[in-house]
Amino acid sequence: SELPRYRSHKEVRAVQIEKVIPTAGGGAEIVP
């Protein structure tokens, strides 16, 4: 409650994720 408050004003690129499918080696395929 003592910390200053901030509002975001950044522009980003993003996509909502439908599925995260694990791949060999610990990575994953992201299905938007």
Full PDB file with SEQRES, HELIX, SHEET, SSBOND, CRYST1, ORIGX, SCALE, CONECT and MASTER records, all heavy atoms in Angstrom:
SEQRES   1 A   32  SER GLU LEU PRO ARG TYR ARG SER HIS LYS GLU VAL ARG          
SEQRES   2 A   32  ALA VAL GLN ILE GLU LYS VAL ILE PRO THR ALA GLY GLY          
SEQRES   3 A   32  GLY ALA GLU ILE VAL PRO                                      
HELIX    1 AA1 ALA A   24  GLY A   26  5                                   3    
SHEET    1 AA1 2 LYS A  19  PRO A  22  0                                        
SHEET    2 AA1 2 ALA A  28  VAL A  31 -1                                        
CRYST1    1.000    1.000    1.000  90.00  90.00  90.00 P 1           1          
ORIGX1      1.000000  0.000000  0.000000        0.00000                         
ORIGX2      0.000000  1.000000  0.000000        0.00000                         
ORIGX3      0.000000  0.000000  1.000000        0.00000                         
SCALE1      1.000000  0.000000  0.000000        0.00000                         
SCALE2      0.000000  1.000000  0.000000        0.00000                         
SCALE3      0.000000  0.000000  1.000000        0.00000                         
ATOM      1  N   SER A   1       0.821  -1.208   0.000  1.00  0.00           N  
ATOM      2  CA  SER A   1       0.000   0.000   0.000  1.00  0.00           C  
ATOM      3  C   SER A   1       0.861   1.268   0.000  1.00  0.00           C  
ATOM      4  O   SER A   1       0.388   2.337  -0.330  1.00  0.00           O  
ATOM      5  CB  SER A   1      -0.948   0.011   1.189  1.00  0.00           C  
ATOM      6  OG  SER A   1      -0.213   0.031   2.393  1.00  0.00           O  
ATOM      7  N   GLU A   2       2.130   1.143   0.357  1.00  0.00           N  
ATOM      8  CA  GLU A   2       3.036   2.291   0.386  1.00  0.00           C  
ATOM      9  C   GLU A   2       3.761   2.493  -0.940  1.00  0.00           C  
ATOM     10  O   GLU A   2       4.379   3.533  -1.149  1.00  0.00           O  
ATOM     11  CB  GLU A   2       4.064   2.102   1.502  1.00  0.00           C  
ATOM     12  CG  GLU A   2       3.429   2.017   2.875  1.00  0.00           C  
ATOM     13  CD  GLU A   2       4.423   1.586   3.942  1.00  0.00           C  
ATOM     14  OE1 GLU A   2       5.641   1.613   3.677  1.00  0.00           O  
ATOM     15  OE2 GLU A   2       3.975   1.217   5.032  1.00  0.00           O  
ATOM     16  N   LEU A   3       3.709   1.501  -1.828  1.00  0.00           N  
ATOM     17  CA  LEU A   3       4.435   1.597  -3.097  1.00  0.00           C  
ATOM     18  C   LEU A   3       3.718   2.527  -4.057  1.00  0.00           C  
ATOM     19  O   LEU A   3       2.482   2.559  -4.097  1.00  0.00           O  
ATOM     20  CB  LEU A   3       4.569   0.213  -3.732  1.00  0.00           C  
ATOM     21  CG  LEU A   3       5.306  -0.836  -2.906  1.00  0.00           C  
ATOM     22  CD1 LEU A   3       5.284  -2.175  -3.627  1.00  0.00           C  
ATOM     23  CD2 LEU A   3       6.735  -0.401  -2.634  1.00  0.00           C  
ATOM     24  N   PRO A   4       4.466   3.297  -4.877  1.00  0.00           N  
ATOM     25  CA  PRO A   4       3.843   4.154  -5.882  1.00  0.00           C  
ATOM     26  C   PRO A   4       3.055   3.322  -6.892  1.00  0.00           C  
ATOM     27  O   PRO A   4       3.388   2.163  -7.146  1.00  0.00           O  
ATOM     28  CB  PRO A   4       5.030   4.834  -6.570  1.00  0.00           C  
ATOM     29  CG  PRO A   4       6.156   4.704  -5.623  1.00  0.00           C  
ATOM     30  CD  PRO A   4       5.918   3.425  -4.868  1.00  0.00           C  
ATOM     31  N   ARG A   5       2.006   3.906  -7.472  1.00  0.00           N  
ATOM     32  CA  ARG A   5       1.179   3.227  -8.470  1.00  0.00           C  
ATOM     33  C   ARG A   5       1.571   3.717  -9.859  1.00  0.00           C  
ATOM     34  O   ARG A   5       1.941   4.880 -10.029  1.00  0.00           O  
ATOM     35  CB  ARG A   5      -0.291   3.508  -8.200  1.00  0.00           C  
ATOM     36  CG  ARG A   5      -0.746   2.874  -6.897  1.00  0.00           C  
ATOM     37  CD  ARG A   5      -2.128   3.271  -6.498  1.00  0.00           C  
ATOM     38  NE  ARG A   5      -3.069   3.146  -7.617  1.00  0.00           N  
ATOM     39  CZ  ARG A   5      -4.337   3.473  -7.553  1.00  0.00           C  
ATOM     40  NH1 ARG A   5      -4.831   3.958  -6.439  1.00  0.00           N  
ATOM     41  NH2 ARG A   5      -5.122   3.332  -8.588  1.00  0.00           N  
ATOM     42  N   TYR A   6       1.467   2.819 -10.857  1.00  0.00           N  
ATOM     43  CA  TYR A   6       1.820   3.145 -12.239  1.00  0.00           C  
ATOM     44  C   TYR A   6       0.741   2.652 -13.181  1.00  0.00           C  
ATOM     45  O   TYR A   6       0.065   1.667 -12.908  1.00  0.00           O  
ATOM     46  CB  TYR A   6       3.141   2.467 -12.633  1.00  0.00           C  
ATOM     47  CG  TYR A   6       4.337   3.043 -11.916  1.00  0.00           C  
ATOM     48  CD1 TYR A   6       4.696   2.598 -10.651  1.00  0.00           C  
ATOM     49  CD2 TYR A   6       5.086   4.040 -12.510  1.00  0.00           C  
ATOM     50  CE1 TYR A   6       5.782   3.129 -10.000  1.00  0.00           C  
ATOM     51  CE2 TYR A   6       6.188   4.575 -11.862  1.00  0.00           C  
ATOM     52  CZ  TYR A   6       6.536   4.115 -10.607  1.00  0.00           C  
ATOM     53  OH  TYR A   6       7.621   4.639  -9.959  1.00  0.00           O  
ATOM     54  N   ARG A   7       0.589   3.308 -14.336  1.00  0.00           N  
ATOM     55  CA  ARG A   7      -0.344   2.877 -15.375  1.00  0.00           C  
ATOM     56  C   ARG A   7       0.467   2.607 -16.636  1.00  0.00           C  
ATOM     57  O   ARG A   7       1.317   3.405 -17.017  1.00  0.00           O  
ATOM     58  CB  ARG A   7      -1.391   3.962 -15.644  1.00  0.00           C  
ATOM     59  CG  ARG A   7      -2.326   3.588 -16.786  1.00  0.00           C  
ATOM     60  CD  ARG A   7      -3.500   4.522 -16.898  1.00  0.00           C  
ATOM     61  NE  ARG A   7      -4.404   4.211 -15.794  1.00  0.00           N  
ATOM     62  CZ  ARG A   7      -4.979   5.118 -15.013  1.00  0.00           C  
ATOM     63  NH1 ARG A   7      -4.762   6.388 -15.200  1.00  0.00           N  
ATOM     64  NH2 ARG A   7      -5.766   4.747 -14.033  1.00  0.00           N  
ATOM     65  N   SER A   8       0.199   1.509 -17.303  1.00  0.00           N  
ATOM     66  CA  SER A   8       0.930   1.126 -18.510  1.00  0.00           C  
ATOM     67  C   SER A   8       0.505   1.975 -19.702  1.00  0.00           C  
ATOM     68  O   SER A   8      -0.667   2.286 -19.880  1.00  0.00           O  
ATOM     69  CB  SER A   8       0.678  -0.350 -18.827  1.00  0.00           C  
ATOM     70  OG  SER A   8       1.326  -0.694 -20.020  1.00  0.00           O  
ATOM     71  N   HIS A   9       1.470   2.327 -20.524  1.00  0.00           N  
ATOM     72  CA  HIS A   9       1.214   3.036 -21.765  1.00  0.00           C  
ATOM     73  C   HIS A   9       2.073   2.469 -22.896  1.00  0.00           C  
ATOM     74  O   HIS A   9       2.358   3.123 -23.874  1.00  0.00           O  
ATOM     75  CB  HIS A   9       1.458   4.544 -21.586  1.00  0.00           C  
ATOM     76  CG  HIS A   9       2.838   4.850 -21.076  1.00  0.00           C  
ATOM     77  ND1 HIS A   9       3.110   4.898 -19.734  1.00  0.00           N  
ATOM     78  CD2 HIS A   9       3.991   5.091 -21.712  1.00  0.00           C  
ATOM     79  CE1 HIS A   9       4.399   5.167 -19.573  1.00  0.00           C  
ATOM     80  NE2 HIS A   9       4.953   5.284 -20.756  1.00  0.00           N  
ATOM     81  N   LYS A  10       2.488   1.222 -22.750  1.00  0.00           N  
ATOM     82  CA  LYS A  10       3.333   0.546 -23.720  1.00  0.00           C  
ATOM     83  C   LYS A  10       2.500  -0.042 -24.855  1.00  0.00           C  
ATOM     84  O   LYS A  10       1.354  -0.431 -24.664  1.00  0.00           O  
ATOM     85  CB  LYS A  10       4.089  -0.609 -23.071  1.00  0.00           C  
ATOM     86  CG  LYS A  10       5.037  -0.212 -22.001  1.00  0.00           C  
ATOM     87  CD  LYS A  10       5.688  -1.453 -21.459  1.00  0.00           C  
ATOM     88  CE  LYS A  10       5.374  -1.538 -19.994  1.00  0.00           C  
ATOM     89  NZ  LYS A  10       5.866  -2.712 -19.365  1.00  0.00           N  
ATOM     90  N   GLU A  11       3.126  -0.126 -26.038  1.00  0.00           N  
ATOM     91  CA  GLU A  11       2.519  -0.855 -27.144  1.00  0.00           C  
ATOM     92  C   GLU A  11       3.287  -2.160 -27.287  1.00  0.00           C  
ATOM     93  O   GLU A  11       4.521  -2.156 -27.308  1.00  0.00           O  
ATOM     94  CB  GLU A  11       2.613  -0.052 -28.437  1.00  0.00           C  
ATOM     95  CG  GLU A  11       1.902  -0.708 -29.589  1.00  0.00           C  
ATOM     96  CD  GLU A  11       1.873   0.159 -30.830  1.00  0.00           C  
ATOM     97  OE1 GLU A  11       1.649   1.379 -30.699  1.00  0.00           O  
ATOM     98  OE2 GLU A  11       2.090  -0.391 -31.926  1.00  0.00           O  
ATOM     99  N   VAL A  12       2.583  -3.273 -27.325  1.00  0.00           N  
ATOM    100  CA  VAL A  12       3.199  -4.593 -27.436  1.00  0.00           C  
ATOM    101  C   VAL A  12       2.542  -5.374 -28.565  1.00  0.00           C  
ATOM    102  O   VAL A  12       1.472  -5.012 -29.044  1.00  0.00           O  
ATOM    103  CB  VAL A  12       3.068  -5.396 -26.117  1.00  0.00           C  
ATOM    104  CG1 VAL A  12       3.759  -4.691 -24.969  1.00  0.00           C  
ATOM    105  CG2 VAL A  12       1.610  -5.667 -25.778  1.00  0.00           C  
ATOM    106  N   ARG A  13       3.180  -6.441 -28.958  1.00  0.00           N  
ATOM    107  CA  ARG A  13       2.569  -7.410 -29.860  1.00  0.00           C  
ATOM    108  C   ARG A  13       2.203  -8.596 -28.981  1.00  0.00           C  
ATOM    109  O   ARG A  13       2.985  -8.983 -28.105  1.00  0.00           O  
ATOM    110  CB  ARG A  13       3.531  -7.833 -30.958  1.00  0.00           C  
ATOM    111  CG  ARG A  13       3.843  -6.691 -31.896  1.00  0.00           C  
ATOM    112  CD  ARG A  13       4.446  -7.228 -33.177  1.00  0.00           C  
ATOM    113  NE  ARG A  13       4.563  -6.173 -34.152  1.00  0.00           N  
ATOM    114  CZ  ARG A  13       3.642  -5.866 -35.049  1.00  0.00           C  
ATOM    115  NH1 ARG A  13       2.520  -6.540 -35.099  1.00  0.00           N  
ATOM    116  NH2 ARG A  13       3.824  -4.893 -35.906  1.00  0.00           N  
ATOM    117  N   ALA A  14       1.026  -9.163 -29.193  1.00  0.00           N  
ATOM    118  CA  ALA A  14       0.591 -10.254 -28.320  1.00  0.00           C  
ATOM    119  C   ALA A  14      -0.457 -11.100 -29.013  1.00  0.00           C  
ATOM    120  O   ALA A  14      -1.109 -10.664 -29.961  1.00  0.00           O  
ATOM    121  CB  ALA A  14       0.028  -9.690 -27.027  1.00  0.00           C  
ATOM    122  N   VAL A  15      -0.597 -12.320 -28.518  1.00  0.00           N  
ATOM    123  CA  VAL A  15      -1.630 -13.223 -29.020  1.00  0.00           C  
ATOM    124  C   VAL A  15      -2.113 -14.085 -27.858  1.00  0.00           C  
ATOM    125  O   VAL A  15      -1.318 -14.505 -27.007  1.00  0.00           O  
ATOM    126  CB  VAL A  15      -1.103 -14.089 -30.193  1.00  0.00           C  
ATOM    127  CG1 VAL A  15      -0.021 -15.052 -29.739  1.00  0.00           C  
ATOM    128  CG2 VAL A  15      -2.228 -14.831 -30.874  1.00  0.00           C  
ATOM    129  N   GLN A  16      -3.426 -14.299 -27.825  1.00  0.00           N  
ATOM    130  CA  GLN A  16      -3.970 -15.183 -26.789  1.00  0.00           C  
ATOM    131  C   GLN A  16      -3.649 -16.624 -27.157  1.00  0.00           C  
ATOM    132  O   GLN A  16      -3.705 -17.013 -28.327  1.00  0.00           O  
ATOM    133  CB  GLN A  16      -5.474 -14.985 -26.633  1.00  0.00           C  
ATOM    134  CG  GLN A  16      -6.005 -15.728 -25.428  1.00  0.00           C  
ATOM    135  CD  GLN A  16      -7.466 -15.443 -25.142  1.00  0.00           C  
ATOM    136  OE1 GLN A  16      -8.200 -14.974 -25.996  1.00  0.00           O  
ATOM    137  NE2 GLN A  16      -7.883 -15.741 -23.929  1.00  0.00           N  
ATOM    138  N   ILE A  17      -3.320 -17.412 -26.161  1.00  0.00           N  
ATOM    139  CA  ILE A  17      -2.891 -18.796 -26.361  1.00  0.00           C  
ATOM    140  C   ILE A  17      -4.067 -19.757 -26.215  1.00  0.00           C  
ATOM    141  O   ILE A  17      -4.773 -19.728 -25.205  1.00  0.00           O  
ATOM    142  CB  ILE A  17      -1.793 -19.169 -25.338  1.00  0.00           C  
ATOM    143  CG1 ILE A  17      -0.582 -18.254 -25.522  1.00  0.00           C  
ATOM    144  CG2 ILE A  17      -1.419 -20.637 -25.462  1.00  0.00           C  
ATOM    145  CD1 ILE A  17       0.445 -18.385 -24.398  1.00  0.00           C  
ATOM    146  N   GLU A  18      -4.250 -20.599 -27.237  1.00  0.00           N  
ATOM    147  CA  GLU A  18      -5.275 -21.648 -27.156  1.00  0.00           C  
ATOM    148  C   GLU A  18      -4.688 -22.909 -26.531  1.00  0.00           C  
ATOM    149  O   GLU A  18      -5.308 -23.541 -25.687  1.00  0.00           O  
ATOM    150  CB  GLU A  18      -5.814 -21.980 -28.546  1.00  0.00           C  
ATOM    151  CG  GLU A  18      -6.886 -23.059 -28.504  1.00  0.00           C  
ATOM    152  CD  GLU A  18      -7.492 -23.330 -29.865  1.00  0.00           C  
ATOM    153  OE1 GLU A  18      -7.733 -22.377 -30.605  1.00  0.00           O  
ATOM    154  OE2 GLU A  18      -7.707 -24.511 -30.181  1.00  0.00           O  
ATOM    155  N   LYS A  19      -3.473 -23.283 -26.973  1.00  0.00           N  
ATOM    156  CA  LYS A  19      -2.816 -24.498 -26.469  1.00  0.00           C  
ATOM    157  C   LYS A  19      -1.325 -24.268 -26.341  1.00  0.00           C  
ATOM    158  O   LYS A  19      -0.726 -23.530 -27.127  1.00  0.00           O  
ATOM    159  CB  LYS A  19      -2.994 -25.663 -27.450  1.00  0.00           C  
ATOM    160  CG  LYS A  19      -4.375 -26.177 -27.626  1.00  0.00           C  
ATOM    161  CD  LYS A  19      -4.353 -27.333 -28.628  1.00  0.00           C  
ATOM    162  CE  LYS A  19      -5.747 -27.653 -29.121  1.00  0.00           C  
ATOM    163  NZ  LYS A  19      -5.713 -28.618 -30.222  1.00  0.00           N  
ATOM    164  N   VAL A  20      -0.712 -24.946 -25.388  1.00  0.00           N  
ATOM    165  CA  VAL A  20       0.734 -25.006 -25.234  1.00  0.00           C  
ATOM    166  C   VAL A  20       1.089 -26.479 -25.346  1.00  0.00           C  
ATOM    167  O   VAL A  20       0.708 -27.282 -24.493  1.00  0.00           O  
ATOM    168  CB  VAL A  20       1.189 -24.441 -23.871  1.00  0.00           C  
ATOM    169  CG1 VAL A  20       2.696 -24.559 -23.721  1.00  0.00           C  
ATOM    170  CG2 VAL A  20       0.724 -23.000 -23.696  1.00  0.00           C  
ATOM    171  N   ILE A  21       1.793 -26.847 -26.426  1.00  0.00           N  
ATOM    172  CA  ILE A  21       2.120 -28.249 -26.678  1.00  0.00           C  
ATOM    173  C   ILE A  21       3.623 -28.455 -26.464  1.00  0.00           C  
ATOM    174  O   ILE A  21       4.439 -27.939 -27.231  1.00  0.00           O  
ATOM    175  CB  ILE A  21       1.738 -28.648 -28.122  1.00  0.00           C  
ATOM    176  CG1 ILE A  21       0.239 -28.357 -28.355  1.00  0.00           C  
ATOM    177  CG2 ILE A  21       2.075 -30.107 -28.384  1.00  0.00           C  
ATOM    178  CD1 ILE A  21      -0.180 -28.449 -29.816  1.00  0.00           C  
ATOM    179  N   PRO A  22       4.007 -29.171 -25.407  1.00  0.00           N  
ATOM    180  CA  PRO A  22       5.431 -29.402 -25.139  1.00  0.00           C  
ATOM    181  C   PRO A  22       6.123 -30.096 -26.311  1.00  0.00           C  
ATOM    182  O   PRO A  22       5.539 -30.946 -26.980  1.00  0.00           O  
ATOM    183  CB  PRO A  22       5.423 -30.301 -23.901  1.00  0.00           C  
ATOM    184  CG  PRO A  22       4.097 -30.049 -23.260  1.00  0.00           C  
ATOM    185  CD  PRO A  22       3.147 -29.796 -24.403  1.00  0.00           C  
ATOM    186  N   THR A  23       7.386 -29.714 -26.562  1.00  0.00           N  
ATOM    187  CA  THR A  23       8.198 -30.331 -27.601  1.00  0.00           C  
ATOM    188  C   THR A  23       9.468 -30.892 -26.979  1.00  0.00           C  
ATOM    189  O   THR A  23       9.770 -30.619 -25.818  1.00  0.00           O  
ATOM    190  CB  THR A  23       8.561 -29.309 -28.700  1.00  0.00           C  
ATOM    191  OG1 THR A  23       9.295 -28.229 -28.107  1.00  0.00           O  
ATOM    192  CG2 THR A  23       7.326 -28.765 -29.401  1.00  0.00           C  
ATOM    193  N   ALA A  24      10.207 -31.661 -27.759  1.00  0.00           N  
ATOM    194  CA  ALA A  24      11.459 -32.243 -27.286  1.00  0.00           C  
ATOM    195  C   ALA A  24      12.410 -31.140 -26.829  1.00  0.00           C  
ATOM    196  O   ALA A  24      12.458 -30.063 -27.426  1.00  0.00           O  
ATOM    197  CB  ALA A  24      12.102 -33.060 -28.400  1.00  0.00           C  
ATOM    198  N   GLY A  25      13.121 -31.385 -25.772  1.00  0.00           N  
ATOM    199  CA  GLY A  25      14.099 -30.435 -25.283  1.00  0.00           C  
ATOM    200  C   GLY A  25      13.548 -29.370 -24.354  1.00  0.00           C  
ATOM    201  O   GLY A  25      14.252 -28.449 -23.974  1.00  0.00           O  
ATOM    202  N   GLY A  26      12.267 -29.454 -24.005  1.00  0.00           N  
ATOM    203  CA  GLY A  26      11.699 -28.521 -23.046  1.00  0.00           C  
ATOM    204  C   GLY A  26      11.021 -27.298 -23.626  1.00  0.00           C  
ATOM    205  O   GLY A  26      10.453 -26.508 -22.896  1.00  0.00           O  
ATOM    206  N   GLY A  27      11.074 -27.128 -24.942  1.00  0.00           N  
ATOM    207  CA  GLY A  27      10.376 -26.018 -25.580  1.00  0.00           C  
ATOM    208  C   GLY A  27       8.904 -26.347 -25.734  1.00  0.00           C  
ATOM    209  O   GLY A  27       8.397 -27.305 -25.143  1.00  0.00           O  
ATOM    210  N   ALA A  28       8.210 -25.561 -26.545  1.00  0.00           N  
ATOM    211  CA  ALA A  28       6.784 -25.821 -26.766  1.00  0.00           C  
ATOM    212  C   ALA A  28       6.321 -25.175 -28.065  1.00  0.00           C  
ATOM    213  O   ALA A  28       6.936 -24.231 -28.566  1.00  0.00           O  
ATOM    214  CB  ALA A  28       5.946 -25.296 -25.614  1.00  0.00           C  
ATOM    215  N   GLU A  29       5.221 -25.703 -28.576  1.00  0.00           N  
ATOM    216  CA  GLU A  29       4.534 -25.070 -29.695  1.00  0.00           C  
ATOM    217  C   GLU A  29       3.366 -24.299 -29.080  1.00  0.00           C  
ATOM    218  O   GLU A  29       2.592 -24.844 -28.300  1.00  0.00           O  
ATOM    219  CB  GLU A  29       4.022 -26.107 -30.684  1.00  0.00           C  
ATOM    220  CG  GLU A  29       3.283 -25.471 -31.857  1.00  0.00           C  
ATOM    221  CD  GLU A  29       2.828 -26.480 -32.893  1.00  0.00           C  
ATOM    222  OE1 GLU A  29       2.096 -27.422 -32.507  1.00  0.00           O  
ATOM    223  OE2 GLU A  29       3.208 -26.328 -34.049  1.00  0.00           O  
ATOM    224  N   ILE A  30       3.262 -23.029 -29.443  1.00  0.00           N  
ATOM    225  CA  ILE A  30       2.167 -22.182 -28.981  1.00  0.00           C  
ATOM    226  C   ILE A  30       1.130 -22.135 -30.099  1.00  0.00           C  
ATOM    227  O   ILE A  30       1.443 -21.773 -31.234  1.00  0.00           O  
ATOM    228  CB  ILE A  30       2.650 -20.748 -28.671  1.00  0.00           C  
ATOM    229  CG1 ILE A  30       3.751 -20.754 -27.609  1.00  0.00           C  
ATOM    230  CG2 ILE A  30       1.478 -19.848 -28.296  1.00  0.00           C  
ATOM    231  CD1 ILE A  30       3.324 -21.128 -26.225  1.00  0.00           C  
ATOM    232  N   VAL A  31      -0.100 -22.497 -29.785  1.00  0.00           N  
ATOM    233  CA  VAL A  31      -1.198 -22.452 -30.746  1.00  0.00           C  
ATOM    234  C   VAL A  31      -2.087 -21.262 -30.363  1.00  0.00           C  
ATOM    235  O   VAL A  31      -2.708 -21.274 -29.302  1.00  0.00           O  
ATOM    236  CB  VAL A  31      -2.022 -23.761 -30.739  1.00  0.00           C  
ATOM    237  CG1 VAL A  31      -3.167 -23.676 -31.735  1.00  0.00           C  
ATOM    238  CG2 VAL A  31      -1.127 -24.960 -31.032  1.00  0.00           C  
ATOM    239  N   PRO A  32      -2.125 -20.215 -31.221  1.00  0.00           N  
ATOM    240  CA  PRO A  32      -2.934 -19.042 -30.918  1.00  0.00           C  
ATOM    241  C   PRO A  32      -4.433 -19.307 -31.023  1.00  0.00           C  
ATOM    242  O   PRO A  32      -4.877 -20.156 -31.797  1.00  0.00           O  
ATOM    243  CB  PRO A  32      -2.514 -18.025 -31.986  1.00  0.00           C  
ATOM    244  CG  PRO A  32      -1.189 -18.504 -32.475  1.00  0.00           C  
ATOM    245  CD  PRO A  32      -1.264 -19.999 -32.381  1.00  0.00           C  
TER     246      PRO A  32                                                      
MASTER        0    0    0    1    2    0    0    6  245    1    0    3          
END                                                                             
